N, C-alpha and C. Protein backbone atom coordinates (compact mmCIF):
# COMPACT_ATOMS: atom_id res chain seq x y z
N MET A 1 155.65 131.42 56.58
CA MET A 1 155.48 130.10 55.74
C MET A 1 154.39 129.09 56.61
N TRP A 2 154.40 127.85 56.11
CA TRP A 2 153.70 126.90 56.55
C TRP A 2 154.02 126.30 57.76
N ASP A 3 153.06 126.03 59.06
CA ASP A 3 153.90 125.15 59.91
C ASP A 3 153.57 123.92 59.79
N GLU A 4 154.50 123.13 60.03
CA GLU A 4 154.43 121.94 60.03
C GLU A 4 153.35 121.37 60.80
N GLY A 5 152.71 120.31 60.22
CA GLY A 5 151.65 119.65 60.84
C GLY A 5 150.12 119.89 60.44
N ALA A 6 149.21 119.24 61.15
CA ALA A 6 147.85 119.52 60.35
C ALA A 6 147.58 120.98 59.63
N ILE A 7 146.73 120.51 58.93
CA ILE A 7 146.29 121.93 57.85
C ILE A 7 145.50 122.89 59.28
N SER A 8 145.52 123.95 58.84
CA SER A 8 144.80 125.19 60.14
C SER A 8 143.34 125.16 59.61
N VAL A 9 142.57 125.56 60.69
CA VAL A 9 141.36 125.53 60.39
C VAL A 9 140.59 126.63 59.30
N TRP A 10 141.60 127.66 58.89
CA TRP A 10 140.82 128.49 58.11
C TRP A 10 141.33 127.86 56.52
N VAL A 11 142.15 126.72 56.48
CA VAL A 11 142.50 126.09 55.18
C VAL A 11 141.01 124.77 55.31
N ARG A 12 141.26 124.10 56.15
CA ARG A 12 140.12 123.32 56.29
C ARG A 12 138.40 124.00 55.92
N PHE A 13 138.40 125.30 56.12
CA PHE A 13 137.21 126.01 56.19
C PHE A 13 137.16 126.41 54.44
N TYR A 14 138.41 126.65 53.97
CA TYR A 14 138.38 127.12 52.27
C TYR A 14 137.96 125.76 51.77
N ILE A 15 138.41 124.46 52.19
CA ILE A 15 138.13 123.15 51.31
C ILE A 15 136.50 123.13 51.78
N TYR A 16 135.84 123.12 53.02
CA TYR A 16 134.54 122.92 53.15
C TYR A 16 133.87 123.91 52.16
N ALA A 17 134.45 124.95 52.19
CA ALA A 17 133.53 126.19 51.77
C ALA A 17 133.29 126.01 49.84
N ILE A 18 134.54 125.61 49.63
CA ILE A 18 134.67 125.52 47.77
C ILE A 18 133.93 123.99 47.38
N HIS A 19 134.06 122.91 48.33
CA HIS A 19 133.19 121.39 48.16
C HIS A 19 131.81 122.19 48.24
N GLY A 20 131.26 122.52 49.08
CA GLY A 20 129.62 122.80 49.33
C GLY A 20 129.38 123.90 47.98
N TYR A 21 130.06 124.96 47.71
CA TYR A 21 129.87 125.52 46.84
C TYR A 21 129.71 125.04 45.35
N PHE A 22 130.78 124.08 44.78
CA PHE A 22 130.50 122.77 43.62
C PHE A 22 129.57 122.12 43.77
N ALA A 23 129.23 121.79 45.30
CA ALA A 23 128.37 120.52 45.28
C ALA A 23 127.03 121.09 45.03
N GLU A 24 126.90 122.70 45.17
CA GLU A 24 125.45 123.08 44.98
C GLU A 24 125.07 123.53 43.91
N VAL A 25 126.42 123.71 43.28
CA VAL A 25 125.64 124.00 41.54
C VAL A 25 125.79 122.80 40.74
N MET A 26 126.55 121.71 41.25
CA MET A 26 126.42 120.51 40.58
C MET A 26 125.01 119.96 40.69
N PHE A 27 124.36 120.07 42.12
CA PHE A 27 123.11 119.74 42.40
C PHE A 27 122.19 120.63 41.90
N THR A 28 122.13 121.85 41.74
CA THR A 28 121.19 122.80 41.00
C THR A 28 121.40 122.52 39.38
N ALA A 29 122.32 122.25 38.94
CA ALA A 29 122.69 121.83 37.45
C ALA A 29 121.78 120.23 37.26
N GLY A 30 121.84 119.53 37.80
CA GLY A 30 121.01 118.13 37.87
C GLY A 30 119.68 118.26 38.03
N TRP A 31 119.24 119.27 39.13
CA TRP A 31 117.80 119.63 39.33
C TRP A 31 117.06 119.97 38.12
N GLU A 32 117.85 120.72 37.32
CA GLU A 32 117.39 121.84 36.26
C GLU A 32 117.09 120.58 34.65
N PHE A 33 118.23 119.68 34.99
CA PHE A 33 118.15 118.67 33.97
C PHE A 33 116.85 117.81 34.76
N VAL A 34 116.39 117.15 35.50
CA VAL A 34 115.77 116.26 35.42
C VAL A 34 114.42 116.84 35.59
N VAL A 35 113.93 117.97 35.95
CA VAL A 35 112.93 118.85 36.37
C VAL A 35 112.45 119.12 34.82
N ASN A 36 113.34 119.99 34.26
CA ASN A 36 113.16 120.38 32.89
C ASN A 36 113.95 120.45 31.77
N GLN A 37 114.66 119.00 31.78
CA GLN A 37 115.17 118.28 30.80
C GLN A 37 116.04 119.47 30.22
N ASN A 38 116.76 120.52 30.72
CA ASN A 38 117.36 121.58 30.40
C ASN A 38 119.13 120.58 30.15
N PHE A 39 119.50 120.66 29.02
CA PHE A 39 120.75 119.65 28.43
C PHE A 39 121.96 120.66 28.81
N LYS A 40 121.69 122.19 28.95
CA LYS A 40 122.82 122.85 29.20
C LYS A 40 123.16 122.98 30.78
N PHE A 41 122.90 122.15 31.42
CA PHE A 41 123.12 122.21 33.05
C PHE A 41 123.54 123.42 33.53
N PRO A 42 122.33 124.43 33.59
CA PRO A 42 122.83 125.35 34.31
C PRO A 42 122.67 125.52 35.67
N GLY A 43 123.97 125.28 36.40
CA GLY A 43 123.84 125.34 38.01
C GLY A 43 124.30 126.66 38.38
N ASN A 44 123.55 126.81 39.42
CA ASN A 44 123.70 127.86 40.12
C ASN A 44 123.72 128.18 41.51
N THR A 45 124.31 129.43 42.29
CA THR A 45 124.39 129.39 43.63
C THR A 45 124.60 130.96 43.89
N SER A 46 125.01 131.21 45.36
CA SER A 46 125.21 132.40 45.60
C SER A 46 126.77 132.52 46.35
N VAL A 47 127.47 133.64 46.48
CA VAL A 47 128.46 133.72 47.26
C VAL A 47 128.71 133.31 48.65
N TRP A 48 127.04 134.08 49.02
CA TRP A 48 127.04 133.62 50.09
C TRP A 48 127.31 132.16 50.69
N SER A 49 126.97 131.08 49.76
CA SER A 49 126.89 129.71 50.21
C SER A 49 128.44 129.30 50.73
N LEU A 50 129.66 129.95 50.10
CA LEU A 50 130.95 129.83 50.75
C LEU A 50 131.02 129.99 52.25
N ALA A 51 130.47 130.81 52.61
CA ALA A 51 130.41 131.20 54.05
C ALA A 51 129.58 130.07 54.79
N ILE A 52 128.47 129.70 54.46
CA ILE A 52 127.26 129.32 54.64
C ILE A 52 127.85 127.50 54.79
N TYR A 53 128.11 127.09 53.53
CA TYR A 53 128.68 125.55 53.74
C TYR A 53 130.40 125.85 54.53
N GLY A 54 131.16 126.39 54.46
CA GLY A 54 132.33 126.79 55.19
C GLY A 54 132.20 126.61 57.06
N MET A 55 131.33 127.50 57.03
CA MET A 55 131.11 127.52 58.70
C MET A 55 130.15 126.38 59.07
N SER A 56 129.24 125.75 58.39
CA SER A 56 128.59 124.58 58.47
C SER A 56 129.37 123.53 58.96
N ASN A 57 130.11 123.06 57.66
CA ASN A 57 131.26 121.96 58.04
C ASN A 57 131.95 121.94 58.95
N LEU A 58 132.38 122.93 59.24
CA LEU A 58 133.23 123.11 60.53
C LEU A 58 132.79 122.63 61.60
N PHE A 59 131.37 123.14 61.74
CA PHE A 59 130.51 122.63 63.10
C PHE A 59 130.27 120.93 62.79
N ILE A 60 130.24 120.51 61.68
CA ILE A 60 129.85 119.17 61.31
C ILE A 60 131.02 118.13 62.08
N GLU A 61 132.29 118.79 61.14
CA GLU A 61 133.77 118.24 61.62
C GLU A 61 133.78 118.16 63.11
N TRP A 62 133.49 119.68 63.86
CA TRP A 62 133.82 119.53 65.09
C TRP A 62 132.84 118.16 65.84
N MET A 63 131.35 117.93 65.54
CA MET A 63 130.73 117.19 66.17
C MET A 63 130.90 115.65 65.79
N TYR A 64 131.40 115.75 64.38
CA TYR A 64 132.25 114.23 64.11
C TYR A 64 133.04 113.52 64.90
N LEU A 65 134.01 114.82 65.78
CA LEU A 65 135.23 114.43 66.21
C LEU A 65 134.56 114.09 67.71
N ARG A 66 133.75 114.48 67.88
CA ARG A 66 132.99 114.19 69.30
C ARG A 66 132.26 113.23 69.51
N MET A 67 131.71 112.09 68.19
CA MET A 67 130.76 111.60 68.32
C MET A 67 131.65 109.99 67.74
N LYS A 68 132.43 110.45 66.95
CA LYS A 68 133.06 109.38 66.13
C LYS A 68 133.49 107.75 67.15
N GLY A 69 132.86 107.18 67.03
CA GLY A 69 133.31 105.88 67.83
C GLY A 69 132.32 105.58 68.98
N ARG A 70 131.68 106.63 69.09
CA ARG A 70 130.53 106.48 70.63
C ARG A 70 129.13 106.46 70.02
N VAL A 71 128.92 107.09 68.87
CA VAL A 71 127.22 107.39 68.46
C VAL A 71 127.47 106.92 66.95
N PRO A 72 126.54 105.67 66.71
CA PRO A 72 126.53 105.07 65.58
C PRO A 72 125.75 105.84 64.35
N ILE A 73 126.31 105.33 62.92
CA ILE A 73 126.49 106.46 61.83
C ILE A 73 125.03 106.62 61.42
N ALA A 74 124.16 105.82 61.63
CA ALA A 74 122.62 106.66 61.70
C ALA A 74 122.21 107.98 62.64
N ILE A 75 122.40 107.81 63.55
CA ILE A 75 122.12 108.72 64.59
C ILE A 75 123.08 109.91 64.25
N ARG A 76 124.23 109.46 63.82
CA ARG A 76 125.01 110.79 63.54
C ARG A 76 124.79 111.48 62.44
N LEU A 77 124.06 110.66 61.33
CA LEU A 77 123.59 111.16 59.97
C LEU A 77 122.16 112.02 60.61
N LEU A 78 121.26 111.70 61.15
CA LEU A 78 120.20 112.37 61.98
C LEU A 78 120.64 113.68 62.26
N ILE A 79 121.65 113.56 63.14
CA ILE A 79 121.82 114.65 64.12
C ILE A 79 122.52 115.84 62.90
N TYR A 80 123.61 115.31 62.08
CA TYR A 80 124.32 116.47 61.03
C TYR A 80 123.01 116.76 60.01
N THR A 81 121.61 116.27 59.90
CA THR A 81 120.83 116.54 58.84
C THR A 81 119.84 117.56 59.81
N LEU A 82 119.62 117.60 60.85
CA LEU A 82 119.26 118.11 61.80
C LEU A 82 119.74 119.29 61.80
N TRP A 83 121.00 119.55 61.92
CA TRP A 83 122.27 120.87 61.88
C TRP A 83 121.95 121.37 60.91
N ILE A 84 121.81 120.86 59.39
CA ILE A 84 121.58 121.46 58.50
C ILE A 84 120.28 121.91 58.33
N TYR A 85 119.09 121.48 58.70
CA TYR A 85 117.88 122.26 58.46
C TYR A 85 117.99 123.75 59.45
N VAL A 86 118.62 123.15 60.49
CA VAL A 86 119.01 124.50 61.54
C VAL A 86 119.60 125.84 61.06
N TRP A 87 121.04 125.24 60.42
CA TRP A 87 121.40 125.95 59.80
C TRP A 87 121.06 126.86 58.47
N GLU A 88 120.28 126.17 57.76
CA GLU A 88 119.72 126.49 56.47
C GLU A 88 118.75 128.07 56.88
N PHE A 89 117.58 127.25 57.59
CA PHE A 89 116.70 127.89 58.22
C PHE A 89 117.50 129.40 59.05
N SER A 90 118.31 129.34 59.92
CA SER A 90 118.91 130.88 60.47
C SER A 90 119.80 131.49 59.72
N THR A 91 120.36 130.83 58.78
CA THR A 91 121.36 131.62 57.98
C THR A 91 120.50 132.52 56.63
N GLY A 92 119.06 131.27 56.27
CA GLY A 92 118.09 132.12 55.45
C GLY A 92 117.38 133.23 55.91
N LEU A 93 117.28 133.15 57.16
CA LEU A 93 116.27 134.21 57.28
C LEU A 93 117.09 135.19 58.01
N LEU A 94 118.06 135.28 58.08
CA LEU A 94 119.28 136.44 58.35
C LEU A 94 119.41 136.83 57.37
N LEU A 95 119.42 136.18 56.04
CA LEU A 95 119.93 137.02 54.53
C LEU A 95 118.77 137.54 53.85
N ARG A 96 117.42 137.08 54.46
CA ARG A 96 116.33 137.54 53.83
C ARG A 96 116.46 139.03 54.59
N GLN A 97 116.85 139.25 55.61
CA GLN A 97 116.43 140.06 56.32
C GLN A 97 117.19 141.88 55.31
N PHE A 98 118.10 141.19 54.55
CA PHE A 98 118.90 142.19 53.90
C PHE A 98 118.62 141.93 52.05
N ASN A 99 117.28 140.91 52.18
CA ASN A 99 116.78 140.73 50.90
C ASN A 99 117.78 139.71 49.84
N ALA A 100 118.73 139.07 50.55
CA ALA A 100 119.75 138.42 50.14
C ALA A 100 119.56 137.29 50.01
N CYS A 101 118.57 136.53 50.33
CA CYS A 101 118.53 135.07 50.33
C CYS A 101 118.28 134.29 48.97
N PRO A 102 119.54 133.52 48.95
CA PRO A 102 119.31 133.03 47.69
C PRO A 102 118.18 131.94 46.86
N TRP A 103 117.51 131.49 48.12
CA TRP A 103 116.96 130.22 47.83
C TRP A 103 115.45 130.35 48.61
N ASP A 104 114.53 129.94 47.78
CA ASP A 104 112.92 129.98 48.13
C ASP A 104 112.66 128.80 47.93
N TYR A 105 111.96 128.25 48.72
CA TYR A 105 111.46 126.81 48.50
C TYR A 105 109.91 127.02 48.77
N SER A 106 109.49 128.14 48.54
CA SER A 106 107.68 128.29 48.44
C SER A 106 107.14 127.24 47.91
N PRO A 107 107.73 127.03 46.41
CA PRO A 107 106.95 126.48 45.66
C PRO A 107 106.89 124.97 45.84
N PHE A 108 107.56 124.33 47.11
CA PHE A 108 107.87 122.95 47.51
C PHE A 108 106.38 122.67 48.61
N GLU A 109 105.90 121.48 48.49
CA GLU A 109 104.57 121.03 49.22
C GLU A 109 104.60 120.86 50.97
N TRP A 110 106.20 120.68 51.27
CA TRP A 110 106.39 120.63 52.36
C TRP A 110 107.62 121.86 53.11
N ASP A 111 107.32 123.06 52.63
CA ASP A 111 108.52 123.88 52.73
C ASP A 111 107.92 124.70 54.21
N PHE A 112 108.86 125.28 55.00
CA PHE A 112 108.67 126.29 56.23
C PHE A 112 109.10 127.31 55.84
N LEU A 113 108.43 128.78 55.65
CA LEU A 113 108.89 129.65 55.34
C LEU A 113 109.08 130.30 53.86
N GLY A 114 109.51 128.94 53.12
CA GLY A 114 110.48 128.74 52.04
C GLY A 114 111.73 129.03 52.12
N LEU A 115 112.44 128.73 53.53
CA LEU A 115 113.49 128.61 53.96
C LEU A 115 114.08 127.32 53.95
N ILE A 116 113.52 126.32 54.05
CA ILE A 116 113.77 125.02 54.16
C ILE A 116 112.53 124.16 53.85
N THR A 117 112.50 123.01 53.24
CA THR A 117 111.80 121.97 52.92
C THR A 117 111.98 120.60 53.26
N LEU A 118 111.04 120.35 53.98
CA LEU A 118 111.32 118.55 53.74
C LEU A 118 111.73 117.74 52.50
N GLU A 119 111.37 117.97 51.39
CA GLU A 119 111.60 117.35 50.27
C GLU A 119 113.08 117.19 49.95
N TYR A 120 113.83 117.85 51.01
CA TYR A 120 115.27 117.97 50.46
C TYR A 120 115.89 116.76 51.73
N ALA A 121 115.13 116.36 52.23
CA ALA A 121 115.59 115.66 53.41
C ALA A 121 116.65 114.31 52.96
N PRO A 122 116.38 113.85 51.91
CA PRO A 122 117.24 112.60 51.62
C PRO A 122 118.30 112.74 50.82
N ALA A 123 118.28 113.94 49.82
CA ALA A 123 119.58 114.79 49.66
C ALA A 123 120.48 115.22 50.90
N TRP A 124 119.87 115.87 51.84
CA TRP A 124 120.72 116.01 53.14
C TRP A 124 121.54 115.13 53.88
N VAL A 125 120.29 113.95 53.53
CA VAL A 125 121.09 113.01 54.78
C VAL A 125 122.54 112.25 53.51
N ILE A 126 122.17 112.07 52.43
CA ILE A 126 123.25 111.65 51.23
C ILE A 126 124.53 112.67 51.43
N GLY A 127 124.46 113.98 51.51
CA GLY A 127 125.16 115.16 51.77
C GLY A 127 126.08 114.49 52.94
N ALA A 128 125.34 114.74 53.94
CA ALA A 128 125.86 114.60 55.24
C ALA A 128 126.61 113.05 55.25
N LEU A 129 126.51 112.21 54.44
CA LEU A 129 127.16 111.10 54.57
C LEU A 129 128.25 111.27 53.72
N ILE A 130 128.59 111.84 52.33
CA ILE A 130 129.60 112.05 52.41
C ILE A 130 130.53 113.15 52.65
N THR A 131 129.82 114.14 53.48
CA THR A 131 130.66 115.31 53.97
C THR A 131 131.14 114.31 55.42
N GLU A 132 130.66 113.45 56.04
CA GLU A 132 131.55 112.87 56.99
C GLU A 132 132.56 112.06 56.31
N GLN A 133 132.36 111.05 55.58
CA GLN A 133 132.87 109.96 55.02
C GLN A 133 133.90 110.11 54.25
N ILE A 134 133.69 110.98 53.43
CA ILE A 134 134.79 111.63 52.11
C ILE A 134 135.31 112.94 52.47
N LEU A 135 134.46 113.85 52.67
CA LEU A 135 134.82 115.55 52.66
C LEU A 135 135.92 115.46 53.87
N ILE A 136 135.25 115.20 55.23
CA ILE A 136 135.95 115.65 56.49
C ILE A 136 136.85 114.54 56.74
N LYS A 137 136.78 113.18 56.67
CA LYS A 137 137.77 112.49 57.02
C LYS A 137 138.92 112.67 56.58
N ASN A 138 139.08 112.92 55.04
CA ASN A 138 140.22 113.15 54.50
C ASN A 138 140.61 114.28 54.45
N THR A 139 140.01 115.47 54.67
CA THR A 139 140.47 116.94 55.05
C THR A 139 141.28 116.58 56.30
N LEU A 140 140.94 115.92 57.56
CA LEU A 140 141.83 115.77 58.50
C LEU A 140 142.61 114.81 58.24
N ARG A 141 143.02 114.09 57.44
CA ARG A 141 144.43 113.47 56.99
C ARG A 141 145.31 114.32 56.15
N LEU A 142 145.01 115.60 55.75
CA LEU A 142 146.11 116.52 55.35
C LEU A 142 146.92 116.98 56.36
N HIS A 143 148.22 116.89 56.04
CA HIS A 143 149.34 117.44 56.79
C HIS A 143 150.28 118.04 55.75
N PHE A 144 150.95 119.11 56.53
CA PHE A 144 152.19 120.05 56.00
C PHE A 144 153.35 118.81 56.63
N ARG A 145 154.48 118.71 55.61
CA ARG A 145 155.18 118.28 56.02
C ARG A 145 156.98 119.06 55.68
N ASP A 146 157.88 118.86 56.29
CA ASP A 146 159.15 119.06 56.11
C ASP A 146 159.92 118.37 54.98
N VAL A 147 159.99 118.38 54.01
CA VAL A 147 160.56 117.26 52.90
C VAL A 147 161.88 117.62 52.64
N ALA A 148 162.71 118.93 52.89
CA ALA A 148 163.70 118.65 52.29
C ALA A 148 164.80 118.97 53.59
N GLY A 149 164.07 118.94 55.04
CA GLY A 149 165.26 119.04 55.82
C GLY A 149 164.98 120.39 56.53
N VAL A 150 164.92 120.59 57.98
CA VAL A 150 165.36 121.97 58.70
C VAL A 150 166.10 123.19 58.10
N GLY A 151 165.49 124.10 57.69
CA GLY A 151 165.98 125.24 56.88
C GLY A 151 166.63 125.46 55.84
N SER A 152 166.20 124.33 55.24
CA SER A 152 166.13 124.19 53.78
C SER A 152 165.24 124.83 52.79
N PRO A 153 165.66 125.51 51.56
CA PRO A 153 165.07 126.64 50.91
C PRO A 153 163.51 125.55 50.32
N VAL A 154 163.24 124.50 50.29
CA VAL A 154 162.26 123.56 49.76
C VAL A 154 161.88 123.09 51.34
N SER A 155 160.77 123.59 51.84
CA SER A 155 160.34 123.47 53.01
C SER A 155 159.26 122.21 53.33
N HIS A 156 158.06 123.04 52.35
CA HIS A 156 157.13 122.41 53.18
C HIS A 156 155.88 121.47 51.63
N ALA A 157 155.66 120.50 51.74
CA ALA A 157 154.84 119.77 50.61
C ALA A 157 153.38 118.64 51.05
N ASN A 158 152.54 118.59 50.59
CA ASN A 158 151.72 117.40 50.97
C ASN A 158 151.82 116.24 50.42
N GLY A 159 152.56 115.66 51.06
CA GLY A 159 152.49 114.41 50.18
C GLY A 159 153.95 113.76 50.13
N PRO A 160 154.23 112.57 49.37
CA PRO A 160 155.25 112.17 49.32
C PRO A 160 156.41 113.02 48.48
N ALA A 161 157.54 113.48 48.55
CA ALA A 161 158.23 114.32 47.91
C ALA A 161 159.75 113.65 47.60
N LYS A 162 160.51 113.84 46.92
CA LYS A 162 162.00 113.53 46.53
C LYS A 162 163.15 114.54 47.28
N LYS A 163 163.79 114.59 47.76
CA LYS A 163 164.75 115.37 48.72
C LYS A 163 165.53 115.63 47.57
N THR A 164 165.72 116.97 47.58
CA THR A 164 166.64 117.14 46.35
C THR A 164 167.96 117.59 47.35
N GLU A 165 169.33 117.33 46.59
CA GLU A 165 170.51 117.82 47.01
C GLU A 165 170.89 119.00 46.66
């Protein structure tokens, strides 16, 4: 059964992974529309993105908890963006060893080994802002609580609930 209190690291990992996966599908669909005027909006990603986004956002959460209230948001966004580039490059390099890297930025003017590109910097800054201000802050607010009393068959929920007799 779920423990009462803050959600576990595994639940947060899941939330961050699914969010990243969804954001990537939506970004690639939007990109396809803008670049090729494709009204089908075909978005795509790789199953590897679940682990990549889940782990990366857990690390960004860790950085956020250590920097909030002490480091200005502009500096935090710069740090997150640098982390995103390091993470994208290293995971891409690892996946490339197995011919499994799902992205290739070689066509971009400011790419490095096809694994990262500076053209995406504005998108990564905006993504970092959304990640900190919406995703992480709200995920950290989630808690399980006992809504029916100790030992009751109706034990846990997230949010307000009526106590049944």
